[in-house]
Protein backbone atom coordinates (compact mmCIF):
# COMPACT_ATOMS: atom_id res chain seq x y z
CA UNK A 1 0.00 0.00 0.00
CA UNK A 2 1.26 3.46 -0.87
CA UNK A 3 1.87 5.59 2.19
CA UNK A 4 0.45 9.02 2.83
CA UNK A 5 2.52 12.17 2.75
CA UNK A 6 1.81 15.68 3.95
CA UNK A 7 0.96 18.31 1.44
CA UNK A 8 3.18 21.26 0.67
CA UNK A 9 0.20 23.42 -0.25
CA UNK A 10 -2.51 25.18 1.76
CA UNK A 11 -5.82 26.85 1.00
CA UNK A 12 -4.97 30.40 -0.04
CA UNK A 13 -1.64 29.60 -1.71
CA UNK A 14 -1.23 31.30 -5.07
CA UNK A 15 0.12 29.98 -8.35
CA UNK A 16 1.13 32.22 -11.22
CA UNK A 17 1.14 30.80 -14.74
CA UNK A 18 4.39 32.05 -16.26
CA UNK A 19 3.17 32.02 -19.86
CA UNK A 20 -0.27 33.63 -19.43
CA UNK A 21 0.18 35.70 -16.27
CA UNK A 22 -3.00 34.24 -14.82
CA UNK A 23 -3.14 33.93 -11.04
CA UNK A 24 -4.64 30.85 -9.40
CA UNK A 25 -5.84 30.56 -5.81
CA UNK A 26 -6.00 27.17 -4.07
CA UNK A 27 -9.52 26.83 -2.67
CA UNK A 28 -10.01 23.20 -1.60
CA UNK A 29 -8.07 19.93 -1.15
CA UNK A 30 -9.81 16.57 -1.55
CA UNK A 31 -9.21 12.87 -2.18
CA UNK A 32 -10.35 12.29 -5.77
CA UNK A 33 -11.46 8.74 -4.99
CA UNK A 34 -12.84 9.66 -1.55
CA UNK A 35 -11.12 6.63 0.00
CA UNK A 36 -12.86 4.16 -2.33
CA UNK A 37 -9.63 2.30 -3.10
CA UNK A 38 -7.98 1.58 0.25
CA UNK A 39 -5.21 -0.48 -1.35
CA UNK A 40 -3.74 2.54 -3.17
CA UNK A 41 -4.25 5.17 -0.50
CA UNK A 42 -5.26 8.75 -1.10
CA UNK A 43 -4.90 10.61 -4.38
CA UNK A 44 -5.05 14.25 -3.36
CA UNK A 45 -6.23 17.01 -5.64
CA UNK A 46 -6.79 20.74 -5.36
CA UNK A 47 -9.32 23.12 -6.84
CA UNK A 48 -7.65 26.21 -8.25
CA UNK A 49 -9.63 29.34 -9.09
CA UNK A 50 -7.90 31.29 -11.88
CA UNK A 51 -8.15 35.06 -12.29
CA UNK A 52 -6.94 37.31 -15.06
CA UNK A 53 -7.63 37.50 -18.77
CA UNK A 54 -8.99 34.26 -20.23
CA UNK A 55 -6.70 32.33 -22.56
CA UNK A 56 -9.60 31.39 -24.81
CA UNK A 57 -12.88 33.11 -24.00
CA UNK A 58 -15.51 30.62 -22.84
CA UNK A 59 -13.44 27.48 -23.46
CA UNK A 60 -11.61 27.06 -20.15
CA UNK A 61 -13.45 27.41 -16.85
CA UNK A 62 -12.06 29.55 -14.08
CA UNK A 63 -12.10 26.69 -11.55
CA UNK A 64 -9.89 23.74 -12.45
CA UNK A 65 -8.69 20.70 -10.53
CA UNK A 66 -5.11 19.45 -10.33
CA UNK A 67 -3.61 16.53 -8.45
CA UNK A 68 -0.85 17.44 -6.00
CA UNK A 69 1.63 15.51 -8.11
CA UNK A 70 0.40 17.40 -11.18
CA UNK A 71 1.02 20.73 -9.44
CA UNK A 72 4.50 19.57 -8.43
CA UNK A 73 5.21 18.58 -12.05
CA UNK A 74 4.04 22.01 -13.28
CA UNK A 75 6.42 23.62 -10.76
CA UNK A 76 9.24 21.27 -11.79
CA UNK A 77 8.69 22.07 -15.49
CA UNK A 78 8.81 25.81 -14.71
CA UNK A 79 5.22 26.41 -15.85
CA UNK A 80 4.00 27.78 -12.51
CA UNK A 81 5.37 29.96 -9.72
CA UNK A 82 4.22 29.25 -6.15
CA UNK A 83 3.57 32.24 -3.89
CA UNK A 84 2.91 31.74 -0.16
CA UNK A 85 2.08 34.69 2.07
CA UNK A 86 3.12 37.07 -0.70
CA UNK A 87 6.57 35.53 -1.09
CA UNK A 88 7.68 33.68 -4.24
CA UNK A 89 8.91 30.26 -3.18
CA UNK A 90 12.16 28.53 -4.16
CA UNK A 91 10.81 25.90 -6.55
CA UNK A 92 13.94 23.74 -6.49
CA UNK A 93 13.88 23.55 -2.67
CA UNK A 94 10.19 22.61 -2.62
CA UNK A 95 10.67 19.85 -5.19
CA UNK A 96 13.73 18.50 -3.38
CA UNK A 97 11.86 18.40 -0.07
CA UNK A 98 8.78 16.85 -1.72
CA UNK A 99 10.85 14.13 -3.40
CA UNK A 100 12.62 13.40 -0.13
CA UNK A 101 9.35 13.03 1.76
CA UNK A 102 7.84 10.78 -0.90
CA UNK A 103 10.98 8.62 -0.93
CA UNK A 104 11.00 8.36 2.89
CA UNK A 105 7.30 7.44 2.95
CA UNK A 106 7.80 4.40 0.69
C-alpha atoms as a PDB file:
ATOM      1  CA  UNK A   1       0.000   0.000   0.000  1.00  0.00           C
ATOM      2  CA  UNK A   2       1.258   3.465  -0.869  1.00  0.00           C
ATOM      3  CA  UNK A   3       1.873   5.588   2.186  1.00  0.00           C
ATOM      4  CA  UNK A   4       0.445   9.023   2.828  1.00  0.00           C
ATOM      5  CA  UNK A   5       2.519  12.174   2.755  1.00  0.00           C
ATOM      6  CA  UNK A   6       1.815  15.677   3.949  1.00  0.00           C
ATOM      7  CA  UNK A   7       0.957  18.307   1.443  1.00  0.00           C
ATOM      8  CA  UNK A   8       3.176  21.260   0.674  1.00  0.00           C
ATOM      9  CA  UNK A   9       0.200  23.415  -0.248  1.00  0.00           C
ATOM     10  CA  UNK A  10      -2.508  25.185   1.756  1.00  0.00           C
ATOM     11  CA  UNK A  11      -5.816  26.853   1.004  1.00  0.00           C
ATOM     12  CA  UNK A  12      -4.974  30.404  -0.040  1.00  0.00           C
ATOM     13  CA  UNK A  13      -1.639  29.597  -1.711  1.00  0.00           C
ATOM     14  CA  UNK A  14      -1.225  31.296  -5.067  1.00  0.00           C
ATOM     15  CA  UNK A  15       0.125  29.975  -8.353  1.00  0.00           C
ATOM     16  CA  UNK A  16       1.134  32.220 -11.221  1.00  0.00           C
ATOM     17  CA  UNK A  17       1.135  30.800 -14.743  1.00  0.00           C
ATOM     18  CA  UNK A  18       4.393  32.050 -16.257  1.00  0.00           C
ATOM     19  CA  UNK A  19       3.170  32.024 -19.861  1.00  0.00           C
ATOM     20  CA  UNK A  20      -0.269  33.629 -19.425  1.00  0.00           C
ATOM     21  CA  UNK A  21       0.184  35.699 -16.272  1.00  0.00           C
ATOM     22  CA  UNK A  22      -3.002  34.236 -14.819  1.00  0.00           C
ATOM     23  CA  UNK A  23      -3.140  33.934 -11.043  1.00  0.00           C
ATOM     24  CA  UNK A  24      -4.637  30.847  -9.400  1.00  0.00           C
ATOM     25  CA  UNK A  25      -5.838  30.563  -5.806  1.00  0.00           C
ATOM     26  CA  UNK A  26      -5.997  27.167  -4.071  1.00  0.00           C
ATOM     27  CA  UNK A  27      -9.516  26.832  -2.673  1.00  0.00           C
ATOM     28  CA  UNK A  28     -10.005  23.198  -1.603  1.00  0.00           C
ATOM     29  CA  UNK A  29      -8.074  19.925  -1.154  1.00  0.00           C
ATOM     30  CA  UNK A  30      -9.811  16.574  -1.547  1.00  0.00           C
ATOM     31  CA  UNK A  31      -9.213  12.873  -2.180  1.00  0.00           C
ATOM     32  CA  UNK A  32     -10.351  12.294  -5.766  1.00  0.00           C
ATOM     33  CA  UNK A  33     -11.464   8.744  -4.993  1.00  0.00           C
ATOM     34  CA  UNK A  34     -12.838   9.663  -1.552  1.00  0.00           C
ATOM     35  CA  UNK A  35     -11.122   6.634   0.001  1.00  0.00           C
ATOM     36  CA  UNK A  36     -12.864   4.156  -2.330  1.00  0.00           C
ATOM     37  CA  UNK A  37      -9.628   2.297  -3.097  1.00  0.00           C
ATOM     38  CA  UNK A  38      -7.984   1.583   0.247  1.00  0.00           C
ATOM     39  CA  UNK A  39      -5.214  -0.478  -1.346  1.00  0.00           C
ATOM     40  CA  UNK A  40      -3.742   2.538  -3.173  1.00  0.00           C
ATOM     41  CA  UNK A  41      -4.248   5.172  -0.499  1.00  0.00           C
ATOM     42  CA  UNK A  42      -5.258   8.755  -1.096  1.00  0.00           C
ATOM     43  CA  UNK A  43      -4.903  10.606  -4.384  1.00  0.00           C
ATOM     44  CA  UNK A  44      -5.054  14.249  -3.358  1.00  0.00           C
ATOM     45  CA  UNK A  45      -6.232  17.012  -5.642  1.00  0.00           C
ATOM     46  CA  UNK A  46      -6.789  20.745  -5.358  1.00  0.00           C
ATOM     47  CA  UNK A  47      -9.317  23.120  -6.843  1.00  0.00           C
ATOM     48  CA  UNK A  48      -7.654  26.212  -8.249  1.00  0.00           C
ATOM     49  CA  UNK A  49      -9.631  29.335  -9.095  1.00  0.00           C
ATOM     50  CA  UNK A  50      -7.902  31.285 -11.885  1.00  0.00           C
ATOM     51  CA  UNK A  51      -8.148  35.057 -12.291  1.00  0.00           C
ATOM     52  CA  UNK A  52      -6.937  37.308 -15.061  1.00  0.00           C
ATOM     53  CA  UNK A  53      -7.631  37.496 -18.774  1.00  0.00           C
ATOM     54  CA  UNK A  54      -8.990  34.263 -20.228  1.00  0.00           C
ATOM     55  CA  UNK A  55      -6.698  32.328 -22.559  1.00  0.00           C
ATOM     56  CA  UNK A  56      -9.604  31.390 -24.810  1.00  0.00           C
ATOM     57  CA  UNK A  57     -12.878  33.106 -23.996  1.00  0.00           C
ATOM     58  CA  UNK A  58     -15.512  30.619 -22.835  1.00  0.00           C
ATOM     59  CA  UNK A  59     -13.438  27.477 -23.455  1.00  0.00           C
ATOM     60  CA  UNK A  60     -11.608  27.061 -20.155  1.00  0.00           C
ATOM     61  CA  UNK A  61     -13.445  27.406 -16.851  1.00  0.00           C
ATOM     62  CA  UNK A  62     -12.059  29.549 -14.077  1.00  0.00           C
ATOM     63  CA  UNK A  63     -12.102  26.687 -11.551  1.00  0.00           C
ATOM     64  CA  UNK A  64      -9.893  23.741 -12.454  1.00  0.00           C
ATOM     65  CA  UNK A  65      -8.690  20.696 -10.528  1.00  0.00           C
ATOM     66  CA  UNK A  66      -5.115  19.452 -10.325  1.00  0.00           C
ATOM     67  CA  UNK A  67      -3.606  16.531  -8.447  1.00  0.00           C
ATOM     68  CA  UNK A  68      -0.850  17.442  -5.997  1.00  0.00           C
ATOM     69  CA  UNK A  69       1.625  15.512  -8.111  1.00  0.00           C
ATOM     70  CA  UNK A  70       0.403  17.397 -11.179  1.00  0.00           C
ATOM     71  CA  UNK A  71       1.016  20.729  -9.441  1.00  0.00           C
ATOM     72  CA  UNK A  72       4.501  19.570  -8.433  1.00  0.00           C
ATOM     73  CA  UNK A  73       5.211  18.584 -12.045  1.00  0.00           C
ATOM     74  CA  UNK A  74       4.045  22.012 -13.279  1.00  0.00           C
ATOM     75  CA  UNK A  75       6.423  23.622 -10.762  1.00  0.00           C
ATOM     76  CA  UNK A  76       9.244  21.268 -11.793  1.00  0.00           C
ATOM     77  CA  UNK A  77       8.690  22.072 -15.490  1.00  0.00           C
ATOM     78  CA  UNK A  78       8.815  25.811 -14.714  1.00  0.00           C
ATOM     79  CA  UNK A  79       5.225  26.409 -15.846  1.00  0.00           C
ATOM     80  CA  UNK A  80       4.004  27.781 -12.508  1.00  0.00           C
ATOM     81  CA  UNK A  81       5.368  29.957  -9.715  1.00  0.00           C
ATOM     82  CA  UNK A  82       4.225  29.249  -6.146  1.00  0.00           C
ATOM     83  CA  UNK A  83       3.566  32.243  -3.890  1.00  0.00           C
ATOM     84  CA  UNK A  84       2.908  31.739  -0.164  1.00  0.00           C
ATOM     85  CA  UNK A  85       2.077  34.695   2.074  1.00  0.00           C
ATOM     86  CA  UNK A  86       3.116  37.073  -0.704  1.00  0.00           C
ATOM     87  CA  UNK A  87       6.573  35.528  -1.094  1.00  0.00           C
ATOM     88  CA  UNK A  88       7.683  33.683  -4.235  1.00  0.00           C
ATOM     89  CA  UNK A  89       8.911  30.255  -3.180  1.00  0.00           C
ATOM     90  CA  UNK A  90      12.158  28.530  -4.157  1.00  0.00           C
ATOM     91  CA  UNK A  91      10.811  25.897  -6.545  1.00  0.00           C
ATOM     92  CA  UNK A  92      13.941  23.741  -6.485  1.00  0.00           C
ATOM     93  CA  UNK A  93      13.885  23.547  -2.674  1.00  0.00           C
ATOM     94  CA  UNK A  94      10.191  22.605  -2.621  1.00  0.00           C
ATOM     95  CA  UNK A  95      10.665  19.852  -5.194  1.00  0.00           C
ATOM     96  CA  UNK A  96      13.732  18.502  -3.384  1.00  0.00           C
ATOM     97  CA  UNK A  97      11.864  18.399  -0.068  1.00  0.00           C
ATOM     98  CA  UNK A  98       8.785  16.851  -1.717  1.00  0.00           C
ATOM     99  CA  UNK A  99      10.848  14.126  -3.405  1.00  0.00           C
ATOM    100  CA  UNK A 100      12.625  13.400  -0.127  1.00  0.00           C
ATOM    101  CA  UNK A 101       9.347  13.029   1.763  1.00  0.00           C
ATOM    102  CA  UNK A 102       7.841  10.778  -0.897  1.00  0.00           C
ATOM    103  CA  UNK A 103      10.977   8.616  -0.926  1.00  0.00           C
ATOM    104  CA  UNK A 104      10.998   8.357   2.888  1.00  0.00           C
ATOM    105  CA  UNK A 105       7.301   7.436   2.948  1.00  0.00           C
ATOM    106  CA  UNK A 106       7.800   4.400   0.689  1.00  0.00           C
END
